[in-house]
Amino acid sequence: MGATEDLGTRPAGGTAGIGRAHAKAIVLGEHAVVYGSPALALPIPELTVTARAGWGTRSRDDSDDDLSFTMPGSASRAVVAQASHSLRRLINAFEARTGAHSRTPLTVGLNGAIPPGRGLGSSAANSRAVVLALAGLFGRELTEDVAFDLVQTAENMTHGRASGVDAMAVGASAPLLFQQGRARTPAIGCDDVFIVADSGTAGSTKEAVGLLRAQFGQRTGARETFVQRATLLVGRAVRYLAEGRPAELGACMTDYHELMHEAGLSTDRIDALVRAALAAGSHGAKITGGGLGGCVLALASPRTAGQVTGQLLAAGAVRAWAVPLMGTGSHER
């Protein structure tokens, strides 16, 4: 990387930059992916976030207030303050990586439909949208590798040691199999539907990671057992997905939920939603994301997807989205 380029009071690029990203769900592989296990991830293209970056009216040299940040909706002051702090660090990383710099304050606004704390990749999606908006504002062409690195830097600041699956999945256009920083698109032989159901309770990835790490430290071989079981289930699921065996794929999901439940990463509310999905005829269901709250992911045939969705809502889910495996969008209920 060369010396930082000072582009003056109006950097080359445009008067505004726009960036977009979308949500994701982990089908299998939570937590184990940090230790090298593969993870199967699903993009949710219609749950999006848009970032808009522009220029302020004063010189950064004249004021310490060099960033104006807005989040619409009912976000608390604490949430906005934390997001603003993370954004400043992301902007610094962007400037260092690309050589872009301006003495003019920045204005950044985020507008999105991805609920935070639900295991849907909201922090990674926000970061990717901001990175792309900054690239447009400063007139920088970013490769996917550079965009990934910047989002991953932000994820590590937010969650601690992040695997990278979120940073990659929030920009993916198809399901992906991720392992140790690399991803490929798996073969898909099913036309079934994933249903993402929001429990209405936020989880905490950082807390869940700490809980699991403490368990690994208390029992010899616990980490190896967890990772081996997770790796086996992901491998089977990828094969069943390619072979068009949704019942077996769903069974792998339910088994992974048991793995998460045994580790203390599920909740009574999440368990109840999993039972409701299974009782309604889904092929399988599990918690998705870090745990201790968040969303349930269920797999259903196109014929039973509506019934499964209805039962999840009746069991207490506050909203749900259907994501067809063979489709490109999702539909909220």
Protein backbone atom coordinates (compact mmCIF):
# COMPACT_ATOMS: atom_id res chain seq x y z
CA MET A 1 0.00 0.00 0.00
CA GLY A 2 1.37 3.43 -0.94
CA ALA A 3 1.17 6.72 0.88
CA THR A 4 -2.24 8.10 1.73
CA GLU A 5 -3.56 10.36 -1.00
CA ASP A 6 -5.00 13.72 0.12
CA LEU A 7 -7.70 14.54 -2.39
CA GLY A 8 -8.45 18.00 -0.96
CA THR A 9 -11.83 19.30 0.03
CA ARG A 10 -13.77 17.58 -2.74
CA PRO A 11 -12.32 14.14 -3.52
CA ALA A 12 -12.67 12.76 -7.03
CA GLY A 13 -15.72 10.55 -7.39
CA GLY A 14 -19.24 11.87 -7.02
CA THR A 15 -21.46 13.94 -4.81
CA ALA A 16 -22.82 10.76 -3.25
CA GLY A 17 -22.08 7.07 -3.14
CA ILE A 18 -24.69 4.33 -2.83
CA GLY A 19 -24.01 0.83 -1.52
CA ARG A 20 -26.30 -2.14 -0.95
CA ALA A 21 -26.07 -5.53 0.70
CA HIS A 22 -28.50 -8.19 1.89
CA ALA A 23 -29.13 -10.57 4.76
CA LYS A 24 -27.99 -14.16 5.06
CA ALA A 25 -28.83 -17.25 7.10
CA ILE A 26 -26.52 -20.07 8.10
CA VAL A 27 -28.05 -23.40 7.09
CA LEU A 28 -25.44 -25.43 8.97
CA GLY A 29 -22.01 -24.76 10.41
CA GLU A 30 -22.46 -22.13 13.12
CA HIS A 31 -19.50 -21.75 15.51
CA ALA A 32 -17.64 -24.74 14.06
CA VAL A 33 -16.79 -22.63 11.01
CA VAL A 34 -14.47 -20.52 13.19
CA TYR A 35 -12.43 -23.67 13.85
CA GLY A 36 -12.08 -24.62 10.18
CA SER A 37 -15.30 -26.56 9.61
CA PRO A 38 -17.30 -25.74 6.46
CA ALA A 39 -20.53 -23.76 6.69
CA LEU A 40 -23.48 -23.70 4.31
CA ALA A 41 -24.95 -20.19 3.97
CA LEU A 42 -28.06 -18.85 2.27
CA PRO A 43 -28.39 -15.28 0.93
CA ILE A 44 -31.69 -13.52 1.60
CA PRO A 45 -31.77 -11.00 -1.27
CA GLU A 46 -34.96 -9.13 -0.39
CA LEU A 47 -33.87 -8.29 3.16
CA THR A 48 -31.58 -5.44 2.20
CA VAL A 49 -29.72 -2.46 3.58
CA THR A 50 -28.75 0.64 1.63
CA ALA A 51 -26.00 3.07 2.62
CA ARG A 52 -25.63 6.57 1.23
CA ALA A 53 -22.35 8.45 1.70
CA GLY A 54 -21.94 12.13 0.94
CA TRP A 55 -20.05 15.27 1.88
CA GLY A 56 -20.60 17.58 4.83
CA THR A 57 -20.25 21.36 4.77
CA ARG A 58 -17.26 22.03 7.03
CA SER A 59 -13.57 21.18 6.95
CA ARG A 60 -12.46 18.28 9.09
CA ASP A 61 -9.63 20.53 10.26
CA ASP A 62 -12.16 22.98 11.77
CA SER A 63 -14.17 20.47 13.82
CA ASP A 64 -13.83 17.19 15.63
CA ASP A 65 -17.30 16.34 14.33
CA ASP A 66 -16.08 14.77 11.10
CA LEU A 67 -18.94 12.29 10.63
CA SER A 68 -22.69 12.69 10.53
CA PHE A 69 -24.38 9.28 10.84
CA THR A 70 -28.08 8.48 10.69
CA MET A 71 -30.14 5.34 11.13
CA PRO A 72 -33.89 5.67 10.48
CA GLY A 73 -36.51 4.00 12.58
CA SER A 74 -36.59 3.37 16.31
CA ALA A 75 -32.94 2.52 16.94
CA SER A 76 -31.91 3.48 20.47
CA ARG A 77 -29.26 6.09 21.16
CA ALA A 78 -26.95 3.35 22.43
CA VAL A 79 -27.34 1.38 19.18
CA VAL A 80 -26.71 4.47 17.06
CA ALA A 81 -23.70 5.45 19.18
CA GLN A 82 -22.15 1.98 18.88
CA ALA A 83 -22.83 1.87 15.14
CA SER A 84 -21.30 5.32 14.72
CA HIS A 85 -18.16 4.23 16.61
CA SER A 86 -17.82 1.12 14.44
CA LEU A 87 -18.41 3.19 11.33
CA ARG A 88 -15.58 5.58 12.16
CA ARG A 89 -13.20 2.64 12.46
CA LEU A 90 -14.47 1.19 9.17
CA ILE A 91 -13.94 4.54 7.41
CA ASN A 92 -10.39 4.68 8.77
CA ALA A 93 -9.75 1.17 7.46
CA PHE A 94 -11.22 2.10 4.07
CA GLU A 95 -9.01 5.19 3.80
CA ALA A 96 -5.91 3.24 4.82
CA ARG A 97 -6.62 0.43 2.34
CA THR A 98 -7.58 2.59 -0.65
CA GLY A 99 -5.47 5.70 -0.06
CA ALA A 100 -8.60 7.87 -0.10
CA HIS A 101 -8.74 10.83 2.23
CA SER A 102 -10.63 14.08 2.53
CA ARG A 103 -10.59 17.06 4.86
CA THR A 104 -14.34 17.36 4.29
CA PRO A 105 -16.60 15.68 6.85
CA LEU A 106 -18.57 12.68 5.70
CA THR A 107 -22.28 12.05 6.00
CA VAL A 108 -23.39 8.43 6.05
CA GLY A 109 -26.94 7.16 6.28
CA LEU A 110 -28.12 3.57 6.64
CA ASN A 111 -31.61 2.43 5.72
CA GLY A 112 -32.39 -1.25 5.94
CA ALA A 113 -34.85 -4.00 6.72
CA ILE A 114 -32.46 -6.47 8.36
CA PRO A 115 -33.34 -6.79 12.06
CA PRO A 116 -30.21 -6.69 14.26
CA GLY A 117 -29.27 -9.46 16.65
CA ARG A 118 -31.15 -12.14 14.71
CA GLY A 119 -28.27 -14.05 13.14
CA LEU A 120 -29.10 -12.58 9.73
CA GLY A 121 -25.79 -10.80 9.21
CA SER A 122 -27.01 -7.25 9.83
CA SER A 123 -23.61 -5.95 10.95
CA ALA A 124 -21.81 -7.46 7.95
CA ALA A 125 -24.48 -6.22 5.55
CA ASN A 126 -24.28 -2.71 7.03
CA SER A 127 -20.51 -2.72 6.67
CA ARG A 128 -20.59 -3.96 3.08
CA ALA A 129 -23.18 -1.35 2.12
CA VAL A 130 -21.03 1.40 3.68
CA VAL A 131 -17.85 0.15 1.99
CA LEU A 132 -19.55 0.16 -1.41
CA ALA A 133 -21.03 3.61 -0.76
CA LEU A 134 -17.60 4.98 0.18
CA ALA A 135 -16.11 3.43 -2.94
CA GLY A 136 -18.68 5.25 -5.05
CA LEU A 137 -18.14 8.52 -3.23
CA PHE A 138 -14.35 8.42 -3.56
CA GLY A 139 -14.40 7.00 -7.07
CA ARG A 140 -12.62 3.78 -6.13
CA GLU A 141 -13.01 0.47 -7.94
CA LEU A 142 -12.97 -2.31 -5.34
CA THR A 143 -12.35 -5.96 -6.07
CA GLU A 144 -14.47 -8.47 -4.19
CA ASP A 145 -11.38 -9.49 -2.23
CA VAL A 146 -10.81 -5.93 -1.00
CA ALA A 147 -14.49 -5.46 -0.16
CA PHE A 148 -14.45 -8.75 1.76
CA ASP A 149 -11.29 -7.79 3.66
CA LEU A 150 -12.79 -4.46 4.75
CA VAL A 151 -16.07 -6.02 5.87
CA GLN A 152 -14.17 -8.77 7.66
CA THR A 153 -12.11 -6.15 9.48
CA ALA A 154 -15.34 -4.56 10.70
CA GLU A 155 -16.75 -7.96 11.71
CA ASN A 156 -13.67 -8.74 13.78
CA MET A 157 -14.08 -5.42 15.56
CA THR A 158 -17.75 -6.13 16.24
CA HIS A 159 -17.73 -9.82 17.15
CA GLY A 160 -14.13 -10.64 18.00
CA ARG A 161 -12.78 -13.47 15.88
CA ALA A 162 -15.15 -13.74 12.90
CA SER A 163 -15.02 -16.66 10.48
CA GLY A 164 -15.68 -14.57 7.37
CA VAL A 165 -18.81 -16.42 6.28
CA ASP A 166 -21.06 -13.43 7.02
CA ALA A 167 -18.75 -11.01 5.22
CA MET A 168 -18.94 -13.17 2.11
CA ALA A 169 -22.58 -14.28 2.27
CA VAL A 170 -24.06 -10.75 2.47
CA GLY A 171 -22.71 -10.12 -1.03
CA ALA A 172 -23.44 -13.56 -2.51
CA SER A 173 -26.04 -14.14 -5.21
CA ALA A 174 -26.49 -17.86 -4.49
CA PRO A 175 -26.04 -20.29 -1.60
CA LEU A 176 -22.40 -20.84 -0.76
CA LEU A 177 -20.23 -23.39 0.99
CA PHE A 178 -17.62 -21.48 2.98
CA GLN A 179 -14.47 -22.82 4.60
CA GLN A 180 -11.37 -21.01 5.85
CA GLY A 181 -11.84 -17.87 3.80
CA ARG A 182 -12.87 -19.54 0.55
CA ALA A 183 -16.30 -20.25 -0.87
CA ARG A 184 -17.94 -22.10 -3.72
CA THR A 185 -21.51 -22.50 -4.92
CA PRO A 186 -22.80 -25.98 -4.03
CA ALA A 187 -24.88 -28.06 -6.42
CA ILE A 188 -28.60 -27.67 -5.79
CA GLY A 189 -30.99 -30.49 -6.67
CA CYS A 190 -33.95 -29.39 -4.53
CA ASP A 191 -36.73 -26.92 -5.27
CA ASP A 192 -37.76 -26.63 -1.63
CA VAL A 193 -38.23 -23.48 0.43
CA PHE A 194 -36.33 -22.18 3.44
CA ILE A 195 -38.46 -20.32 5.95
CA VAL A 196 -36.74 -17.84 8.26
CA ALA A 197 -38.80 -17.10 11.37
CA ASP A 198 -37.89 -14.27 13.73
CA SER A 199 -38.36 -15.23 17.37
CA GLY A 200 -38.58 -11.57 18.32
CA THR A 201 -35.69 -11.94 20.75
CA ALA A 202 -32.21 -10.72 19.91
CA GLY A 203 -29.28 -13.04 20.39
CA SER A 204 -25.65 -12.19 21.09
CA THR A 205 -22.94 -13.73 18.95
CA LYS A 206 -20.19 -12.46 21.22
CA GLU A 207 -21.87 -13.90 24.33
CA ALA A 208 -22.56 -17.21 22.58
CA VAL A 209 -18.96 -17.49 21.41
CA GLY A 210 -17.74 -16.85 24.95
CA LEU A 211 -20.14 -19.44 26.38
CA LEU A 212 -19.01 -22.10 23.92
CA ARG A 213 -15.33 -21.29 24.42
CA ALA A 214 -15.76 -21.67 28.18
CA GLN A 215 -17.33 -25.09 27.67
CA PHE A 216 -14.48 -26.15 25.41
CA GLY A 217 -12.03 -25.13 28.12
CA GLN A 218 -13.82 -27.12 30.80
CA ARG A 219 -13.91 -30.52 29.07
CA THR A 220 -11.03 -32.21 27.33
CA GLY A 221 -11.92 -32.99 23.74
CA ALA A 222 -15.16 -30.98 23.78
CA ARG A 223 -14.11 -28.67 20.98
CA GLU A 224 -12.93 -31.53 18.78
CA THR A 225 -16.19 -33.41 19.34
CA PHE A 226 -18.30 -30.36 18.48
CA VAL A 227 -16.32 -29.55 15.34
CA GLN A 228 -16.22 -33.16 14.12
CA ARG A 229 -19.97 -33.58 14.54
CA ALA A 230 -20.64 -30.26 12.82
CA THR A 231 -18.32 -31.10 9.92
CA LEU A 232 -20.03 -34.45 9.42
CA LEU A 233 -23.49 -32.86 9.33
CA VAL A 234 -22.46 -30.13 6.90
CA GLY A 235 -20.84 -32.68 4.59
CA ARG A 236 -23.96 -34.81 4.55
CA ALA A 237 -26.20 -31.79 4.02
CA VAL A 238 -24.21 -30.64 1.00
CA ARG A 239 -24.50 -34.10 -0.54
CA TYR A 240 -28.25 -34.31 0.11
CA LEU A 241 -28.73 -30.80 -1.31
CA ALA A 242 -27.00 -31.83 -4.54
CA GLU A 243 -28.85 -35.15 -4.77
CA GLY A 244 -32.29 -33.61 -4.26
CA ARG A 245 -33.00 -35.30 -0.93
CA PRO A 246 -34.73 -32.60 1.12
CA ALA A 247 -35.94 -34.94 3.86
CA GLU A 248 -32.39 -36.01 4.63
CA LEU A 249 -31.16 -32.41 4.35
CA GLY A 250 -33.82 -31.36 6.84
CA ALA A 251 -32.81 -34.14 9.21
CA CYS A 252 -29.25 -32.78 9.18
CA MET A 253 -30.62 -29.36 10.11
CA THR A 254 -32.58 -30.77 13.04
CA ASP A 255 -29.52 -32.71 14.20
CA TYR A 256 -27.49 -29.51 14.08
CA HIS A 257 -30.11 -27.81 16.21
CA GLU A 258 -29.62 -30.54 18.78
CA LEU A 259 -25.89 -29.85 18.70
CA MET A 260 -26.57 -26.17 19.38
CA HIS A 261 -29.16 -27.01 22.05
CA GLU A 262 -26.78 -29.34 23.88
CA ALA A 263 -24.20 -26.55 23.91
CA GLY A 264 -26.71 -24.25 25.63
CA LEU A 265 -26.98 -21.94 22.61
CA SER A 266 -30.72 -22.32 22.03
CA THR A 267 -33.58 -20.92 24.12
CA ASP A 268 -36.99 -22.19 25.18
CA ARG A 269 -38.63 -19.86 22.67
CA ILE A 270 -36.41 -21.04 19.83
CA ASP A 271 -36.96 -24.70 20.77
CA ALA A 272 -40.73 -24.14 20.71
CA LEU A 273 -40.53 -22.69 17.21
CA VAL A 274 -38.43 -25.62 16.03
CA ARG A 275 -41.03 -28.05 17.40
CA ALA A 276 -43.82 -26.08 15.71
CA ALA A 277 -42.07 -26.22 12.34
CA LEU A 278 -41.51 -29.97 12.63
CA ALA A 279 -45.10 -30.59 13.72
CA ALA A 280 -46.32 -28.60 10.71
CA GLY A 281 -44.52 -30.90 8.30
CA SER A 282 -41.17 -29.24 7.65
CA HIS A 283 -38.29 -31.48 6.62
CA GLY A 284 -36.18 -30.03 9.42
CA ALA A 285 -35.64 -26.94 11.52
CA LYS A 286 -32.92 -25.32 13.60
CA ILE A 287 -31.70 -22.16 15.19
CA THR A 288 -29.66 -20.07 12.77
CA GLY A 289 -26.83 -17.75 13.70
CA GLY A 290 -24.78 -17.42 16.87
CA GLY A 291 -27.58 -18.36 19.23
CA LEU A 292 -29.14 -17.29 22.53
CA GLY A 293 -32.03 -15.83 20.51
CA GLY A 294 -32.53 -14.80 16.93
CA CYS A 295 -34.23 -16.80 14.19
CA VAL A 296 -35.30 -20.32 13.32
CA LEU A 297 -34.63 -21.74 9.86
CA ALA A 298 -36.99 -24.43 8.55
CA LEU A 299 -36.98 -26.36 5.27
CA ALA A 300 -40.32 -27.20 3.65
CA SER A 301 -41.66 -28.35 0.31
CA PRO A 302 -43.39 -25.73 -1.84
CA ARG A 303 -46.67 -27.47 -1.03
CA THR A 304 -46.28 -27.23 2.77
CA ALA A 305 -44.31 -23.98 3.04
CA GLY A 306 -47.41 -21.88 3.71
CA GLN A 307 -48.60 -24.27 6.41
CA VAL A 308 -45.19 -24.30 8.11
CA THR A 309 -45.01 -20.51 7.98
CA GLY A 310 -48.47 -20.20 9.49
CA GLN A 311 -47.62 -22.54 12.34
CA LEU A 312 -44.41 -20.68 13.10
CA LEU A 313 -46.32 -17.41 13.34
CA ALA A 314 -49.01 -19.05 15.49
CA ALA A 315 -46.26 -20.40 17.78
CA GLY A 316 -44.91 -16.92 18.45
CA ALA A 317 -42.68 -15.89 15.57
CA VAL A 318 -43.10 -12.16 15.01
CA ARG A 319 -42.45 -12.39 11.25
CA ALA A 320 -41.20 -14.86 8.69
CA TRP A 321 -39.62 -14.87 5.26
CA ALA A 322 -39.78 -17.59 2.60
CA VAL A 323 -36.64 -18.10 0.51
CA PRO A 324 -37.03 -20.54 -2.41
CA LEU A 325 -33.92 -22.59 -3.06
CA MET A 326 -34.38 -22.23 -6.80
CA GLY A 327 -35.44 -18.59 -6.58
CA THR A 328 -33.67 -15.30 -6.09
CA GLY A 329 -35.94 -13.48 -3.63
CA SER A 330 -37.84 -13.80 -0.39
CA HIS A 331 -41.33 -12.87 0.67
CA GLU A 332 -42.30 -11.63 4.11
CA ARG A 333 -45.39 -12.87 5.94
